[in-house]
Amino acid sequence: MSFHLSKTSKERMSGCDARLKMVVERAINITLMDFGIPEHGGLRTAEEQNKLYRDGSSEADGYRNISKHQAIEPNGKGRAVDVYAYIDGAASWEREHLAVVAAAMLQAASELGVKIKWGGLWKTKKHPFYGWDMPHFQLDED
């Protein structure tokens, strides 16, 4: 089975770093489960990021704590992307579905030599359990 990114998902990644876009494009070709990019899943403005923070969906407020989804210079690119699984014609945020997508993302990054981090392996003081940000992937630039 072969999947492809929709025009909308590609547009939502338009402000992302080229390396990240390559990983997503490779992952969609090797995944066992279709996926897409949600609204605000690519490059975000400070205002968009702050709304997600206020809604409890992010630990980055967009102003003092900058998200990897935000450009750090005027012509910069986003260094993160969020995904959702696409099941029976609808978006799914179920952990088991996102884990399948993550396997493809991590394999694609490895094949392409791009270092990424997956939010499914994170825990923080605010979210003291692993996997709190399963849709999230970012370039590992440390």
N, C-alpha and C. Protein backbone atom coordinates (compact mmCIF):
# COMPACT_ATOMS: atom_id res chain seq x y z
N MET A 1 0.84 -1.17 0.00
CA MET A 1 0.00 0.00 0.00
C MET A 1 0.89 1.24 0.00
N SER A 2 0.54 2.19 -0.81
CA SER A 2 1.33 3.41 -0.92
C SER A 2 0.44 4.63 -0.64
N PHE A 3 0.95 5.55 0.15
CA PHE A 3 0.20 6.76 0.48
C PHE A 3 0.94 7.97 -0.07
N HIS A 4 0.26 9.10 -0.11
CA HIS A 4 0.88 10.36 -0.52
C HIS A 4 0.29 11.49 0.32
N LEU A 5 1.04 12.56 0.47
CA LEU A 5 0.56 13.72 1.21
C LEU A 5 -0.43 14.51 0.37
N SER A 6 -1.47 14.98 1.00
CA SER A 6 -2.45 15.81 0.30
C SER A 6 -1.85 17.19 0.02
N LYS A 7 -2.49 17.91 -0.87
CA LYS A 7 -2.06 19.28 -1.18
C LYS A 7 -2.10 20.13 0.10
N THR A 8 -3.14 19.93 0.91
CA THR A 8 -3.27 20.69 2.16
C THR A 8 -2.11 20.40 3.11
N SER A 9 -1.76 19.13 3.29
CA SER A 9 -0.64 18.78 4.18
C SER A 9 0.66 19.39 3.68
N LYS A 10 0.87 19.36 2.37
CA LYS A 10 2.09 19.96 1.81
C LYS A 10 2.11 21.47 2.07
N GLU A 11 0.96 22.13 1.90
CA GLU A 11 0.89 23.57 2.17
C GLU A 11 1.17 23.87 3.64
N ARG A 12 0.70 23.02 4.53
CA ARG A 12 0.92 23.23 5.96
C ARG A 12 2.38 23.05 6.36
N MET A 13 3.15 22.38 5.52
CA MET A 13 4.59 22.21 5.77
C MET A 13 5.43 23.23 5.02
N SER A 14 4.81 24.15 4.30
CA SER A 14 5.56 25.04 3.41
C SER A 14 6.62 25.86 4.12
N GLY A 15 6.42 26.22 5.36
CA GLY A 15 7.40 27.01 6.09
C GLY A 15 8.39 26.20 6.89
N CYS A 16 8.40 24.88 6.70
CA CYS A 16 9.30 24.01 7.47
C CYS A 16 10.66 23.85 6.79
N ASP A 17 11.64 23.55 7.59
CA ASP A 17 12.99 23.27 7.11
C ASP A 17 12.94 22.15 6.06
N ALA A 18 13.74 22.28 5.01
CA ALA A 18 13.75 21.32 3.90
C ALA A 18 14.08 19.90 4.37
N ARG A 19 14.96 19.78 5.36
CA ARG A 19 15.31 18.43 5.87
C ARG A 19 14.09 17.74 6.48
N LEU A 20 13.31 18.50 7.20
CA LEU A 20 12.12 17.95 7.84
C LEU A 20 11.08 17.55 6.78
N LYS A 21 10.94 18.36 5.76
CA LYS A 21 10.02 18.03 4.68
C LYS A 21 10.46 16.76 3.96
N MET A 22 11.77 16.58 3.78
CA MET A 22 12.28 15.35 3.16
C MET A 22 11.92 14.12 3.99
N VAL A 23 12.05 14.24 5.31
CA VAL A 23 11.71 13.13 6.20
C VAL A 23 10.23 12.78 6.07
N VAL A 24 9.37 13.79 6.10
CA VAL A 24 7.93 13.54 6.00
C VAL A 24 7.59 12.90 4.65
N GLU A 25 8.18 13.41 3.58
CA GLU A 25 7.90 12.86 2.24
C GLU A 25 8.37 11.41 2.13
N ARG A 26 9.51 11.09 2.73
CA ARG A 26 9.98 9.69 2.72
C ARG A 26 9.08 8.83 3.59
N ALA A 27 8.71 9.34 4.76
CA ALA A 27 7.88 8.57 5.69
C ALA A 27 6.53 8.21 5.08
N ILE A 28 5.92 9.11 4.34
CA ILE A 28 4.61 8.82 3.75
C ILE A 28 4.73 7.70 2.71
N ASN A 29 5.91 7.54 2.12
CA ASN A 29 6.13 6.48 1.13
C ASN A 29 6.37 5.12 1.75
N ILE A 30 6.79 5.07 3.01
CA ILE A 30 7.13 3.79 3.63
C ILE A 30 6.18 3.41 4.78
N THR A 31 5.29 4.32 5.16
CA THR A 31 4.42 4.06 6.30
C THR A 31 3.40 2.95 6.03
N LEU A 32 2.99 2.29 7.09
CA LEU A 32 1.93 1.29 7.01
C LEU A 32 0.57 1.93 7.26
N MET A 33 0.57 3.23 7.63
CA MET A 33 -0.66 3.93 7.97
C MET A 33 -0.60 5.34 7.40
N ASP A 34 -1.65 5.74 6.74
CA ASP A 34 -1.70 7.07 6.15
C ASP A 34 -1.64 8.13 7.26
N PHE A 35 -1.09 9.30 6.93
CA PHE A 35 -1.04 10.40 7.89
C PHE A 35 -1.05 11.72 7.17
N GLY A 36 -1.26 12.78 7.93
CA GLY A 36 -1.27 14.13 7.37
C GLY A 36 -0.75 15.12 8.38
N ILE A 37 -0.74 16.38 7.98
CA ILE A 37 -0.27 17.48 8.81
C ILE A 37 -1.48 18.32 9.21
N PRO A 38 -1.70 18.50 10.52
CA PRO A 38 -2.87 19.27 10.96
C PRO A 38 -2.66 20.77 10.78
N GLU A 39 -3.75 21.52 10.92
CA GLU A 39 -3.65 22.97 10.93
C GLU A 39 -2.70 23.36 12.06
N HIS A 40 -1.82 24.29 11.82
CA HIS A 40 -0.78 24.72 12.76
C HIS A 40 0.24 23.62 13.05
N GLY A 41 0.33 22.61 12.17
CA GLY A 41 1.28 21.51 12.37
C GLY A 41 2.66 21.81 11.83
N GLY A 42 2.80 22.91 11.11
CA GLY A 42 4.10 23.30 10.57
C GLY A 42 4.57 24.58 11.23
N LEU A 43 4.96 25.56 10.41
CA LEU A 43 5.43 26.85 10.90
C LEU A 43 4.29 27.59 11.60
N ARG A 44 4.59 28.17 12.77
CA ARG A 44 3.58 28.91 13.54
C ARG A 44 4.07 30.31 13.85
N THR A 45 3.12 31.22 13.90
CA THR A 45 3.43 32.56 14.38
C THR A 45 3.46 32.52 15.92
N ALA A 46 3.98 33.58 16.53
CA ALA A 46 4.00 33.66 18.00
C ALA A 46 2.57 33.63 18.54
N GLU A 47 1.65 34.28 17.85
CA GLU A 47 0.25 34.31 18.29
C GLU A 47 -0.38 32.92 18.24
N GLU A 48 -0.14 32.19 17.15
CA GLU A 48 -0.67 30.83 17.04
C GLU A 48 -0.08 29.93 18.13
N GLN A 49 1.22 30.08 18.36
CA GLN A 49 1.89 29.27 19.38
C GLN A 49 1.34 29.60 20.77
N ASN A 50 1.11 30.88 21.03
CA ASN A 50 0.61 31.29 22.34
C ASN A 50 -0.80 30.75 22.58
N LYS A 51 -1.62 30.71 21.55
CA LYS A 51 -2.97 30.14 21.72
C LYS A 51 -2.89 28.67 22.08
N LEU A 52 -2.01 27.92 21.44
CA LEU A 52 -1.83 26.50 21.77
C LEU A 52 -1.33 26.34 23.21
N TYR A 53 -0.48 27.25 23.64
CA TYR A 53 0.02 27.24 25.02
C TYR A 53 -1.14 27.49 25.99
N ARG A 54 -1.95 28.49 25.71
CA ARG A 54 -3.08 28.82 26.59
C ARG A 54 -4.11 27.69 26.63
N ASP A 55 -4.22 26.96 25.52
CA ASP A 55 -5.15 25.83 25.46
C ASP A 55 -4.59 24.58 26.15
N GLY A 56 -3.31 24.63 26.56
CA GLY A 56 -2.68 23.49 27.22
C GLY A 56 -2.10 22.47 26.27
N SER A 57 -2.01 22.81 24.98
CA SER A 57 -1.49 21.87 23.98
C SER A 57 0.02 21.97 23.79
N SER A 58 0.64 22.98 24.38
CA SER A 58 2.08 23.18 24.22
C SER A 58 2.66 23.75 25.50
N GLU A 59 3.93 23.47 25.74
CA GLU A 59 4.64 24.05 26.88
C GLU A 59 5.37 25.33 26.49
N ALA A 60 5.41 25.63 25.20
CA ALA A 60 6.08 26.85 24.72
C ALA A 60 5.04 27.94 24.51
N ASP A 61 5.27 29.10 25.13
CA ASP A 61 4.28 30.19 25.04
C ASP A 61 4.41 31.02 23.77
N GLY A 62 5.47 30.83 23.02
CA GLY A 62 5.64 31.54 21.76
C GLY A 62 6.36 32.86 21.87
N TYR A 63 6.55 33.35 23.09
CA TYR A 63 7.22 34.64 23.30
C TYR A 63 8.49 34.47 24.14
N ARG A 64 8.34 34.04 25.36
CA ARG A 64 9.53 33.80 26.21
C ARG A 64 10.15 32.46 25.91
N ASN A 65 9.31 31.48 25.69
CA ASN A 65 9.73 30.12 25.38
C ASN A 65 9.31 29.83 23.94
N ILE A 66 10.26 29.88 23.03
CA ILE A 66 9.99 29.76 21.60
C ILE A 66 9.89 28.29 21.21
N SER A 67 8.88 27.95 20.44
CA SER A 67 8.68 26.60 19.95
C SER A 67 9.56 26.34 18.73
N LYS A 68 9.89 25.08 18.52
CA LYS A 68 10.61 24.69 17.30
C LYS A 68 9.72 24.89 16.06
N HIS A 69 8.43 25.08 16.27
CA HIS A 69 7.52 25.37 15.16
C HIS A 69 7.66 26.80 14.67
N GLN A 70 8.35 27.64 15.41
CA GLN A 70 8.50 29.04 15.05
C GLN A 70 9.85 29.29 14.38
N ALA A 71 9.86 30.24 13.45
CA ALA A 71 11.12 30.66 12.82
C ALA A 71 11.87 31.54 13.81
N ILE A 72 13.18 31.36 13.90
CA ILE A 72 13.94 32.16 14.85
C ILE A 72 14.56 33.40 14.22
N GLU A 73 14.48 33.53 12.92
CA GLU A 73 14.92 34.74 12.26
C GLU A 73 13.87 35.11 11.22
N PRO A 74 13.86 36.32 10.74
CA PRO A 74 12.78 36.76 9.84
C PRO A 74 12.52 35.84 8.65
N ASN A 75 13.56 35.30 8.05
CA ASN A 75 13.38 34.42 6.90
C ASN A 75 13.64 32.96 7.24
N GLY A 76 13.60 32.65 8.53
CA GLY A 76 13.87 31.29 8.99
C GLY A 76 12.75 30.32 8.68
N LYS A 77 13.01 29.09 8.99
CA LYS A 77 12.05 28.01 8.75
C LYS A 77 11.70 27.35 10.07
N GLY A 78 10.52 26.75 10.12
CA GLY A 78 10.13 25.96 11.27
C GLY A 78 10.96 24.69 11.34
N ARG A 79 11.29 24.28 12.54
CA ARG A 79 12.14 23.10 12.71
C ARG A 79 11.37 21.96 13.35
N ALA A 80 10.02 22.03 13.28
CA ALA A 80 9.18 20.97 13.85
C ALA A 80 7.93 20.80 13.00
N VAL A 81 7.36 19.61 13.09
CA VAL A 81 6.12 19.30 12.40
C VAL A 81 5.30 18.37 13.29
N ASP A 82 4.00 18.56 13.28
CA ASP A 82 3.08 17.67 13.96
C ASP A 82 2.33 16.87 12.90
N VAL A 83 1.94 15.66 13.25
CA VAL A 83 1.22 14.79 12.33
C VAL A 83 -0.03 14.24 13.01
N TYR A 84 -0.92 13.70 12.22
CA TYR A 84 -2.03 12.89 12.71
C TYR A 84 -2.12 11.67 11.82
N ALA A 85 -2.62 10.58 12.35
CA ALA A 85 -2.88 9.40 11.53
C ALA A 85 -4.20 9.64 10.80
N TYR A 86 -4.36 9.02 9.65
CA TYR A 86 -5.57 9.18 8.86
C TYR A 86 -6.21 7.81 8.74
N ILE A 87 -7.32 7.61 9.45
CA ILE A 87 -7.98 6.31 9.55
C ILE A 87 -9.44 6.43 9.11
N ASP A 88 -9.84 5.61 8.18
CA ASP A 88 -11.23 5.59 7.72
C ASP A 88 -11.77 6.98 7.39
N GLY A 89 -10.94 7.79 6.74
CA GLY A 89 -11.38 9.11 6.29
C GLY A 89 -11.38 10.20 7.34
N ALA A 90 -10.76 9.93 8.50
CA ALA A 90 -10.76 10.94 9.56
C ALA A 90 -9.41 10.97 10.28
N ALA A 91 -9.11 12.11 10.86
CA ALA A 91 -7.88 12.26 11.65
C ALA A 91 -7.99 11.44 12.92
N SER A 92 -6.89 10.79 13.29
CA SER A 92 -6.83 10.02 14.53
C SER A 92 -5.62 10.49 15.32
N TRP A 93 -5.83 10.71 16.62
CA TRP A 93 -4.75 11.08 17.54
C TRP A 93 -4.49 9.94 18.51
N GLU A 94 -4.99 8.75 18.20
CA GLU A 94 -4.81 7.59 19.07
C GLU A 94 -3.33 7.20 19.12
N ARG A 95 -2.89 6.88 20.32
CA ARG A 95 -1.47 6.56 20.54
C ARG A 95 -0.98 5.43 19.64
N GLU A 96 -1.77 4.37 19.50
CA GLU A 96 -1.32 3.23 18.70
C GLU A 96 -1.20 3.61 17.22
N HIS A 97 -2.04 4.51 16.74
CA HIS A 97 -1.93 4.97 15.35
C HIS A 97 -0.72 5.87 15.17
N LEU A 98 -0.53 6.80 16.11
CA LEU A 98 0.61 7.72 16.02
C LEU A 98 1.94 6.98 16.16
N ALA A 99 1.96 5.88 16.90
CA ALA A 99 3.19 5.09 17.04
C ALA A 99 3.59 4.47 15.71
N VAL A 100 2.62 4.05 14.91
CA VAL A 100 2.92 3.49 13.59
C VAL A 100 3.51 4.57 12.69
N VAL A 101 2.91 5.75 12.72
CA VAL A 101 3.45 6.87 11.94
C VAL A 101 4.86 7.23 12.42
N ALA A 102 5.06 7.22 13.73
CA ALA A 102 6.38 7.55 14.29
C ALA A 102 7.44 6.57 13.80
N ALA A 103 7.09 5.29 13.70
CA ALA A 103 8.05 4.30 13.21
C ALA A 103 8.52 4.67 11.80
N ALA A 104 7.60 5.10 10.95
CA ALA A 104 7.96 5.50 9.59
C ALA A 104 8.80 6.78 9.60
N MET A 105 8.43 7.73 10.45
CA MET A 105 9.19 8.99 10.54
C MET A 105 10.63 8.73 11.00
N LEU A 106 10.77 7.91 12.02
CA LEU A 106 12.11 7.62 12.55
C LEU A 106 12.94 6.82 11.55
N GLN A 107 12.31 5.88 10.84
CA GLN A 107 13.03 5.14 9.81
C GLN A 107 13.46 6.07 8.68
N ALA A 108 12.54 6.93 8.24
CA ALA A 108 12.86 7.86 7.16
C ALA A 108 14.02 8.77 7.54
N ALA A 109 13.99 9.30 8.75
CA ALA A 109 15.06 10.18 9.22
C ALA A 109 16.39 9.43 9.23
N SER A 110 16.37 8.19 9.69
CA SER A 110 17.60 7.38 9.71
C SER A 110 18.14 7.15 8.30
N GLU A 111 17.26 6.78 7.39
CA GLU A 111 17.67 6.56 5.99
C GLU A 111 18.29 7.80 5.38
N LEU A 112 17.74 8.97 5.71
CA LEU A 112 18.19 10.23 5.11
C LEU A 112 19.33 10.89 5.88
N GLY A 113 19.68 10.33 7.02
CA GLY A 113 20.75 10.92 7.83
C GLY A 113 20.35 12.22 8.50
N VAL A 114 19.07 12.37 8.79
CA VAL A 114 18.56 13.58 9.45
C VAL A 114 18.25 13.22 10.90
N LYS A 115 18.83 13.93 11.84
CA LYS A 115 18.58 13.67 13.25
C LYS A 115 17.29 14.37 13.68
N ILE A 116 16.35 13.58 14.22
CA ILE A 116 15.10 14.14 14.72
C ILE A 116 14.82 13.64 16.13
N LYS A 117 13.96 14.36 16.81
CA LYS A 117 13.46 13.95 18.12
C LYS A 117 11.96 13.77 17.99
N TRP A 118 11.42 12.77 18.72
CA TRP A 118 10.00 12.49 18.69
C TRP A 118 9.39 12.79 20.06
N GLY A 119 8.33 13.57 20.08
CA GLY A 119 7.66 13.94 21.32
C GLY A 119 7.04 12.76 22.06
N GLY A 120 6.90 11.63 21.40
CA GLY A 120 6.38 10.44 22.04
C GLY A 120 7.33 9.85 23.07
N LEU A 121 8.57 10.33 23.08
CA LEU A 121 9.56 9.85 24.04
C LEU A 121 9.83 10.85 25.15
N TRP A 122 9.04 11.92 25.21
CA TRP A 122 9.28 12.98 26.18
C TRP A 122 8.41 12.85 27.42
N LYS A 123 8.93 13.35 28.53
CA LYS A 123 8.12 13.64 29.71
C LYS A 123 8.71 14.89 30.35
N THR A 124 7.86 15.67 31.00
CA THR A 124 8.28 16.92 31.63
C THR A 124 7.60 17.05 32.99
N LYS A 125 7.94 18.11 33.72
CA LYS A 125 7.27 18.35 35.00
C LYS A 125 5.78 18.56 34.79
N LYS A 126 5.42 19.31 33.75
CA LYS A 126 4.01 19.58 33.47
C LYS A 126 3.29 18.32 32.98
N HIS A 127 4.00 17.49 32.24
CA HIS A 127 3.46 16.23 31.68
C HIS A 127 4.38 15.10 32.13
N PRO A 128 4.17 14.55 33.33
CA PRO A 128 5.12 13.59 33.91
C PRO A 128 4.99 12.16 33.39
N PHE A 129 4.48 11.98 32.19
CA PHE A 129 4.38 10.64 31.61
C PHE A 129 4.96 10.69 30.19
N TYR A 130 5.58 9.60 29.79
CA TYR A 130 6.14 9.53 28.44
C TYR A 130 5.03 9.53 27.41
N GLY A 131 5.32 10.15 26.27
CA GLY A 131 4.40 10.11 25.16
C GLY A 131 3.35 11.20 25.16
N TRP A 132 3.55 12.25 25.92
CA TRP A 132 2.52 13.30 25.99
C TRP A 132 2.40 14.09 24.70
N ASP A 133 3.44 14.09 23.85
CA ASP A 133 3.38 14.86 22.61
C ASP A 133 3.67 13.95 21.40
N MET A 134 2.87 12.92 21.27
CA MET A 134 3.10 11.90 20.23
C MET A 134 3.03 12.43 18.80
N PRO A 135 2.26 13.47 18.49
CA PRO A 135 2.23 13.95 17.10
C PRO A 135 3.47 14.73 16.68
N HIS A 136 4.35 15.08 17.60
CA HIS A 136 5.42 16.06 17.37
C HIS A 136 6.76 15.42 16.97
N PHE A 137 7.38 16.01 15.94
CA PHE A 137 8.73 15.64 15.50
C PHE A 137 9.49 16.93 15.26
N GLN A 138 10.75 16.97 15.69
CA GLN A 138 11.56 18.16 15.47
C GLN A 138 12.99 17.78 15.12
N LEU A 139 13.66 18.70 14.41
CA LEU A 139 15.07 18.49 14.11
C LEU A 139 15.85 18.47 15.41
N ASP A 140 16.82 17.58 15.49
CA ASP A 140 17.69 17.49 16.66
C ASP A 140 18.94 18.30 16.35
N GLU A 141 18.96 19.52 16.82
CA GLU A 141 20.05 20.44 16.48
C GLU A 141 20.95 20.73 17.67
N ASP A 142 20.87 19.92 18.69
CA ASP A 142 21.71 20.16 19.90
C ASP A 142 23.15 19.85 19.63
